[in-house]
Amino acid sequence: MTYRLVERVIEELRAKVTSGEWPVGGRIPTEPQLVEALGVGRNTIREAVKALVHAGVLESRQGSGTYVMSSDELAGVVGRRMADAELAEVVEVRRAFEVEAARLAAVRRTPADVAELERALDRREAAWAAGRLHEFVEADVALHTAILGAAHNGMLAGLYASFRNAMRATVAQSFEDEGMTAESYVDHGRLVAAIRAGDPELAAKEAGAYLE
């Protein structure tokens, strides 16, 4: 077994994840199947799988197999870090992303961006009115993702995507703890309106307000 061979196998396994051949949440082939498919030894497979487990892409479950946890290695790292973080730290990171994204979106949004923001806001409002927590959390994350998209900064959007899954879990947990009450509801209509109006200062203010 050589380091270069292990690296090659890591890349082959990673490619199966990123291409969607091995979907997130699914179980990957067994070790003997991988040995046969890739034509390498068991030790090479073990080292490659171990590296991707460490990176947060895969997870080994005793007696069950190895599963895909993320198609993004950075997301795995962020998820582990957030699991140990104080809520105040998570909120501060969200503010760093979302306030700047809102400001940029107000300057750079296109008519198509605005239409997507309004659709996402409508889905969020409808889910809240119906009391459907899971649907609301997904719609809330989709709205913030749309705002990041409207900012038209590829690096910012990519970093936020790595943060998104971990953020989804914290949002869901907060509502499970507090319940979907009038006091826990946070209006995002004014934020979308500020972006639509092309007012970067107001958009940044609105984005910061719900993260105080």
Protein backbone atom coordinates (compact mmCIF):
# COMPACT_ATOMS: atom_id res chain seq x y z
CA MET A 1 0.00 0.00 0.00
CA THR A 2 1.39 3.39 -0.96
CA TYR A 3 0.30 6.88 -0.01
CA ARG A 4 -0.32 7.74 -3.66
CA LEU A 5 -2.59 4.72 -4.08
CA VAL A 6 -4.61 5.66 -1.00
CA GLU A 7 -4.95 9.21 -2.34
CA ARG A 8 -6.24 7.88 -5.64
CA VAL A 9 -8.83 5.71 -3.91
CA ILE A 10 -9.90 8.63 -1.70
CA GLU A 11 -10.52 10.69 -4.82
CA GLU A 12 -12.49 7.87 -6.43
CA LEU A 13 -14.67 7.47 -3.36
CA ARG A 14 -15.12 11.23 -3.02
CA ALA A 15 -16.18 11.44 -6.67
CA LYS A 16 -18.95 8.91 -6.07
CA VAL A 17 -20.30 11.13 -3.31
CA THR A 18 -20.04 14.46 -5.12
CA SER A 19 -21.57 13.03 -8.30
CA GLY A 20 -24.58 11.76 -6.37
CA GLU A 21 -23.87 8.11 -7.18
CA TRP A 22 -23.64 7.63 -3.42
CA PRO A 23 -26.35 9.96 -2.05
CA VAL A 24 -26.23 11.64 1.34
CA GLY A 25 -27.84 9.36 3.90
CA GLY A 26 -27.21 6.22 1.86
CA ARG A 27 -24.99 3.28 2.74
CA ILE A 28 -21.90 2.77 0.60
CA PRO A 29 -20.85 -0.68 -0.72
CA THR A 30 -19.19 -3.08 1.68
CA GLU A 31 -15.44 -3.37 1.99
CA PRO A 32 -15.26 -6.59 -0.13
CA GLN A 33 -17.39 -4.93 -2.81
CA LEU A 34 -15.09 -1.91 -2.90
CA VAL A 35 -12.02 -4.13 -3.08
CA GLU A 36 -13.49 -5.89 -6.09
CA ALA A 37 -14.76 -2.72 -7.78
CA LEU A 38 -11.55 -0.72 -7.38
CA GLY A 39 -9.03 -3.53 -7.66
CA VAL A 40 -7.06 -2.60 -4.56
CA GLY A 41 -6.36 -4.27 -1.23
CA ARG A 42 -8.46 -4.16 1.92
CA ASN A 43 -5.95 -1.98 3.77
CA THR A 44 -6.07 0.64 1.04
CA ILE A 45 -9.86 0.72 1.18
CA ARG A 46 -9.79 0.99 4.96
CA GLU A 47 -7.35 3.89 4.92
CA ALA A 48 -9.34 5.75 2.27
CA VAL A 49 -12.63 5.24 4.09
CA LYS A 50 -11.02 6.28 7.39
CA ALA A 51 -9.79 9.52 5.79
CA LEU A 52 -13.27 10.38 4.53
CA VAL A 53 -14.81 9.51 7.90
CA HIS A 54 -12.35 11.89 9.54
CA ALA A 55 -13.29 14.57 7.00
CA GLY A 56 -16.98 14.19 7.87
CA VAL A 57 -18.00 12.86 4.45
CA LEU A 58 -18.63 9.28 5.68
CA GLU A 59 -19.70 7.77 8.98
CA SER A 60 -19.01 4.19 10.09
CA ARG A 61 -21.80 2.64 12.16
CA GLN A 62 -20.94 -0.47 14.13
CA GLY A 63 -22.82 -3.48 12.79
CA SER A 64 -24.58 -1.47 10.10
CA GLY A 65 -22.02 -0.24 7.58
CA THR A 66 -20.64 3.06 6.35
CA TYR A 67 -22.94 5.90 5.34
CA VAL A 68 -22.61 9.16 3.42
CA MET A 69 -22.98 12.09 5.78
CA SER A 70 -22.15 15.00 3.48
CA SER A 71 -21.09 15.73 -0.08
CA ASP A 72 -19.06 18.67 1.23
CA GLU A 73 -16.03 18.04 3.45
CA LEU A 74 -16.18 21.55 4.84
CA ALA A 75 -19.80 20.97 5.88
CA GLY A 76 -18.69 18.00 7.95
CA VAL A 77 -16.02 20.04 9.69
CA VAL A 78 -18.44 22.91 10.30
CA GLY A 79 -21.09 20.55 11.63
CA ARG A 80 -18.72 19.05 14.17
CA ARG A 81 -17.52 22.49 15.24
CA MET A 82 -21.05 23.81 15.63
CA ALA A 83 -22.05 20.81 17.74
CA ASP A 84 -19.54 22.00 20.34
CA ALA A 85 -20.17 25.73 19.95
CA GLU A 86 -22.15 28.02 22.22
CA LEU A 87 -25.39 29.32 20.72
CA ALA A 88 -24.03 32.88 20.92
CA GLU A 89 -21.11 31.89 18.68
CA VAL A 90 -23.44 30.30 16.13
CA VAL A 91 -25.57 33.46 16.03
CA GLU A 92 -22.48 35.62 15.54
CA VAL A 93 -21.38 33.50 12.56
CA ARG A 94 -24.87 33.67 11.07
CA ARG A 95 -24.80 37.45 11.44
CA ALA A 96 -21.45 37.65 9.67
CA PHE A 97 -22.87 35.74 6.70
CA GLU A 98 -26.41 37.05 6.54
CA VAL A 99 -25.97 40.75 7.21
CA GLU A 100 -23.36 41.11 4.47
CA ALA A 101 -25.36 38.89 2.12
CA ALA A 102 -28.46 41.04 2.62
CA ARG A 103 -26.48 44.21 1.93
CA LEU A 104 -24.98 42.79 -1.25
CA ALA A 105 -28.31 41.32 -2.37
CA ALA A 106 -29.96 44.74 -2.16
CA VAL A 107 -27.32 46.10 -4.53
CA ARG A 108 -27.01 43.15 -6.92
CA ARG A 109 -30.43 41.46 -7.01
CA THR A 110 -32.01 40.79 -10.37
CA PRO A 111 -35.74 40.52 -11.15
CA ALA A 112 -35.35 36.74 -11.13
CA ASP A 113 -33.71 36.91 -7.69
CA VAL A 114 -36.55 39.03 -6.33
CA ALA A 115 -39.12 36.60 -7.70
CA GLU A 116 -37.34 33.69 -6.00
CA LEU A 117 -37.14 35.59 -2.71
CA GLU A 118 -40.86 36.28 -2.81
CA ARG A 119 -41.69 32.64 -3.57
CA ALA A 120 -39.46 31.49 -0.71
CA LEU A 121 -41.04 34.02 1.64
CA ASP A 122 -44.54 32.88 0.65
CA ARG A 123 -43.62 29.23 1.35
CA ARG A 124 -42.16 30.22 4.72
CA GLU A 125 -45.30 32.16 5.69
CA ALA A 126 -47.62 29.37 4.56
CA ALA A 127 -45.71 26.74 6.54
CA TRP A 128 -45.79 28.90 9.67
CA ALA A 129 -49.53 29.56 9.33
CA ALA A 130 -50.15 25.82 8.99
CA GLY A 131 -47.97 25.00 12.00
CA ARG A 132 -45.77 22.63 9.99
CA LEU A 133 -42.41 22.89 11.76
CA HIS A 134 -40.27 20.78 9.43
CA GLU A 135 -41.65 22.52 6.35
CA PHE A 136 -41.14 25.92 7.97
CA VAL A 137 -37.50 25.21 8.83
CA GLU A 138 -36.81 24.06 5.27
CA ALA A 139 -38.55 27.14 3.86
CA ASP A 140 -36.63 29.42 6.23
CA VAL A 141 -33.30 27.93 5.17
CA ALA A 142 -34.37 28.17 1.50
CA LEU A 143 -35.14 31.87 1.92
CA HIS A 144 -31.74 32.61 3.44
CA THR A 145 -30.07 30.56 0.73
CA ALA A 146 -31.93 32.61 -1.89
CA ILE A 147 -30.65 35.80 -0.26
CA LEU A 148 -27.11 34.45 -0.47
CA GLY A 149 -27.72 33.66 -4.13
CA ALA A 150 -28.98 37.19 -4.77
CA ALA A 151 -25.71 38.54 -3.36
CA HIS A 152 -23.92 37.03 -6.39
CA ASN A 153 -20.73 36.20 -4.51
CA GLY A 154 -19.73 32.62 -5.25
CA MET A 155 -17.30 32.29 -2.37
CA LEU A 156 -19.80 33.63 0.16
CA ALA A 157 -22.51 31.29 -1.16
CA GLY A 158 -20.16 28.32 -1.03
CA LEU A 159 -19.14 29.00 2.56
CA TYR A 160 -22.76 29.48 3.58
CA ALA A 161 -23.69 26.18 1.94
CA SER A 162 -21.19 24.44 4.21
CA PHE A 163 -22.78 26.16 7.21
CA ARG A 164 -26.38 25.59 6.08
CA ASN A 165 -27.01 22.01 7.23
CA ALA A 166 -25.66 22.68 10.69
CA MET A 167 -27.70 25.89 10.86
CA ARG A 168 -30.85 23.99 9.87
CA ALA A 169 -30.43 21.74 12.88
CA THR A 170 -30.01 24.67 15.28
CA VAL A 171 -33.10 26.45 13.89
CA ALA A 172 -35.19 23.29 14.22
CA GLN A 173 -33.96 22.71 17.77
CA SER A 174 -34.80 26.27 18.83
CA PHE A 175 -38.43 25.85 17.72
CA GLU A 176 -38.69 22.40 19.26
CA ASP A 177 -37.55 23.95 22.54
CA GLU A 178 -39.73 27.08 22.38
CA GLY A 179 -42.61 25.95 20.18
CA MET A 180 -44.15 27.75 17.21
CA THR A 181 -45.61 30.65 19.16
CA ALA A 182 -46.29 34.29 18.35
CA GLU A 183 -43.30 35.20 20.51
CA SER A 184 -40.92 32.93 18.57
CA TYR A 185 -42.04 34.12 15.13
CA VAL A 186 -39.54 36.30 13.25
CA ASP A 187 -40.86 38.35 10.35
CA HIS A 188 -38.72 38.35 7.20
CA GLY A 189 -41.09 40.37 5.03
CA ARG A 190 -39.32 43.65 5.77
CA LEU A 191 -35.96 42.10 4.89
CA VAL A 192 -37.22 40.92 1.50
CA ALA A 193 -38.86 44.32 0.92
CA ALA A 194 -35.58 46.13 1.61
CA ILE A 195 -33.72 43.90 -0.85
CA ARG A 196 -36.47 44.40 -3.43
CA ALA A 197 -36.26 48.18 -2.92
CA GLY A 198 -32.49 48.14 -3.41
CA ASP A 199 -31.76 49.62 0.02
CA PRO A 200 -28.53 47.98 1.27
CA GLU A 201 -28.41 49.77 4.63
CA LEU A 202 -31.98 48.86 5.51
CA ALA A 203 -31.49 45.28 4.28
CA ALA A 204 -28.41 44.89 6.49
CA LYS A 205 -30.28 46.41 9.45
CA GLU A 206 -33.22 44.03 9.00
CA ALA A 207 -30.92 41.01 8.69
CA GLY A 208 -29.08 42.01 11.85
CA ALA A 209 -32.25 42.71 13.80
CA TYR A 210 -33.49 39.12 13.94
CA LEU A 211 -30.03 37.91 15.02
CA GLU A 212 -29.71 40.21 18.04
